Amino acid sequence: MPATKIRIVRDPGPGQPFTTTHVVCVEPLAALRSYGFDARFTGFSHVTGREELKRFPMIRGFLGPLWDGDAVRYEDAAVAAVLSR
């Protein structure tokens, strides 16, 4: 299984820029946990059929996994609200 890029985008609070954690891994669940994220595999996270996302877990407090062109992205609700305007 090839390594995959993951981006986790968070809003640290008012007046602060978004923070992005970049992870390159082969086993996403273990990698996300090693960075301190509450990652849990609850089955296939996407039913859209996008093959790139099928092995990625949900992370408590984040939306995703989302396809970001060259990486898998997770974002918190505050980031999603800004990006979807």
C-alpha atoms as a PDB file:
ATOM      1  CA  MET A   1       0.000   0.000   0.000  1.00  0.00           C
ATOM      2  CA  PRO A   2       1.556   3.370  -0.991  1.00  0.00           C
ATOM      3  CA  ALA A   3       2.087   6.232   1.438  1.00  0.00           C
ATOM      4  CA  THR A   4      -0.645   8.852   1.465  1.00  0.00           C
ATOM      5  CA  LYS A   5      -0.599  12.554   2.334  1.00  0.00           C
ATOM      6  CA  ILE A   6      -3.088  13.724   4.952  1.00  0.00           C
ATOM      7  CA  ARG A   7      -3.862  17.362   5.807  1.00  0.00           C
ATOM      8  CA  ILE A   8      -5.638  18.260   9.033  1.00  0.00           C
ATOM      9  CA  VAL A   9      -6.800  21.884   9.099  1.00  0.00           C
ATOM     10  CA  ARG A  10      -7.852  23.559  12.352  1.00  0.00           C
ATOM     11  CA  ASP A  11      -8.997  26.986  13.467  1.00  0.00           C
ATOM     12  CA  PRO A  12      -7.063  27.822  16.665  1.00  0.00           C
ATOM     13  CA  GLY A  13      -9.340  30.724  17.536  1.00  0.00           C
ATOM     14  CA  PRO A  14     -10.295  34.312  16.769  1.00  0.00           C
ATOM     15  CA  GLY A  15      -7.643  36.330  14.989  1.00  0.00           C
ATOM     16  CA  GLN A  16      -5.337  33.350  14.455  1.00  0.00           C
ATOM     17  CA  PRO A  17      -4.566  31.767  11.060  1.00  0.00           C
ATOM     18  CA  PHE A  18      -5.672  28.227  10.362  1.00  0.00           C
ATOM     19  CA  THR A  19      -3.132  25.584  11.348  1.00  0.00           C
ATOM     20  CA  THR A  20      -2.372  22.619   9.124  1.00  0.00           C
ATOM     21  CA  THR A  21      -0.811  19.341  10.197  1.00  0.00           C
ATOM     22  CA  HIS A  22       0.732  17.355   7.346  1.00  0.00           C
ATOM     23  CA  VAL A  23       1.111  13.594   7.754  1.00  0.00           C
ATOM     24  CA  VAL A  24       2.551  11.148   5.217  1.00  0.00           C
ATOM     25  CA  CYS A  25       1.749   7.588   6.168  1.00  0.00           C
ATOM     26  CA  VAL A  26       0.963   4.079   5.034  1.00  0.00           C
ATOM     27  CA  GLU A  27      -1.387   3.220   7.920  1.00  0.00           C
ATOM     28  CA  PRO A  28      -3.630   6.268   8.490  1.00  0.00           C
ATOM     29  CA  LEU A  29      -5.327   5.201  11.724  1.00  0.00           C
ATOM     30  CA  ALA A  30      -2.066   4.586  13.605  1.00  0.00           C
ATOM     31  CA  ALA A  31      -0.446   7.708  12.152  1.00  0.00           C
ATOM     32  CA  LEU A  32      -3.328   9.978  13.148  1.00  0.00           C
ATOM     33  CA  ARG A  33      -3.356   8.519  16.664  1.00  0.00           C
ATOM     34  CA  SER A  34       0.398   9.096  16.973  1.00  0.00           C
ATOM     35  CA  TYR A  35      -0.263  12.809  16.326  1.00  0.00           C
ATOM     36  CA  GLY A  36      -2.799  12.835  19.156  1.00  0.00           C
ATOM     37  CA  PHE A  37      -6.015  12.767  17.111  1.00  0.00           C
ATOM     38  CA  ASP A  38      -8.994  10.725  18.317  1.00  0.00           C
ATOM     39  CA  ALA A  39      -9.155   8.632  15.143  1.00  0.00           C
ATOM     40  CA  ARG A  40     -11.592   5.720  15.076  1.00  0.00           C
ATOM     41  CA  PHE A  41     -12.376   3.409  12.225  1.00  0.00           C
ATOM     42  CA  THR A  42     -16.125   2.885  12.089  1.00  0.00           C
ATOM     43  CA  GLY A  43     -16.323   1.206   8.725  1.00  0.00           C
ATOM     44  CA  PHE A  44     -15.948   2.866   5.381  1.00  0.00           C
ATOM     45  CA  SER A  45     -16.028   6.583   5.987  1.00  0.00           C
ATOM     46  CA  HIS A  46     -17.338   7.488   2.543  1.00  0.00           C
ATOM     47  CA  VAL A  47     -20.038   5.868   0.516  1.00  0.00           C
ATOM     48  CA  THR A  48     -19.336   8.043  -2.506  1.00  0.00           C
ATOM     49  CA  GLY A  49     -17.237   5.291  -4.007  1.00  0.00           C
ATOM     50  CA  ARG A  50     -14.062   7.371  -4.145  1.00  0.00           C
ATOM     51  CA  GLU A  51     -11.413   4.703  -3.809  1.00  0.00           C
ATOM     52  CA  GLU A  52      -8.820   7.085  -2.308  1.00  0.00           C
ATOM     53  CA  LEU A  53     -10.944   7.622   0.823  1.00  0.00           C
ATOM     54  CA  LYS A  54     -12.120   4.126   1.658  1.00  0.00           C
ATOM     55  CA  ARG A  55      -9.386   3.228   4.154  1.00  0.00           C
ATOM     56  CA  PHE A  56      -9.470   6.490   6.097  1.00  0.00           C
ATOM     57  CA  PRO A  57     -11.067   6.786   9.545  1.00  0.00           C
ATOM     58  CA  MET A  58     -13.343   9.411  10.967  1.00  0.00           C
ATOM     59  CA  ILE A  59     -11.666  11.738  13.495  1.00  0.00           C
ATOM     60  CA  ARG A  60     -13.714  12.979  16.431  1.00  0.00           C
ATOM     61  CA  GLY A  61     -14.330  16.720  16.062  1.00  0.00           C
ATOM     62  CA  PHE A  62     -13.411  16.883  12.375  1.00  0.00           C
ATOM     63  CA  LEU A  63     -15.232  16.680   9.050  1.00  0.00           C
ATOM     64  CA  GLY A  64     -13.800  14.254   6.567  1.00  0.00           C
ATOM     65  CA  PRO A  65     -12.081  12.466   5.120  1.00  0.00           C
ATOM     66  CA  LEU A  66     -12.332  14.736   2.076  1.00  0.00           C
ATOM     67  CA  TRP A  67     -10.410  14.458  -1.181  1.00  0.00           C
ATOM     68  CA  ASP A  68      -8.061  17.431  -1.627  1.00  0.00           C
ATOM     69  CA  GLY A  69      -6.612  16.675  -5.054  1.00  0.00           C
ATOM     70  CA  ASP A  70      -3.269  15.335  -3.867  1.00  0.00           C
ATOM     71  CA  ALA A  71      -4.078  14.498  -0.249  1.00  0.00           C
ATOM     72  CA  VAL A  72      -6.826  13.439   2.115  1.00  0.00           C
ATOM     73  CA  ARG A  73      -8.107  16.380   4.172  1.00  0.00           C
ATOM     74  CA  TYR A  74      -9.861  16.667   7.516  1.00  0.00           C
ATOM     75  CA  GLU A  75     -11.100  20.023   8.802  1.00  0.00           C
ATOM     76  CA  ASP A  76     -12.806  21.232  11.937  1.00  0.00           C
ATOM     77  CA  ALA A  77     -16.260  22.834  11.857  1.00  0.00           C
ATOM     78  CA  ALA A  78     -14.920  26.401  12.041  1.00  0.00           C
ATOM     79  CA  VAL A  79     -12.687  25.866   9.005  1.00  0.00           C
ATOM     80  CA  ALA A  80     -15.521  24.193   7.102  1.00  0.00           C
ATOM     81  CA  ALA A  81     -17.817  27.152   7.828  1.00  0.00           C
ATOM     82  CA  VAL A  82     -15.265  29.639   6.427  1.00  0.00           C
ATOM     83  CA  LEU A  83     -14.351  27.543   3.387  1.00  0.00           C
ATOM     84  CA  SER A  84     -17.966  26.870   2.431  1.00  0.00           C
ATOM     85  CA  ARG A  85     -19.040  30.535   2.322  1.00  0.00           C
END
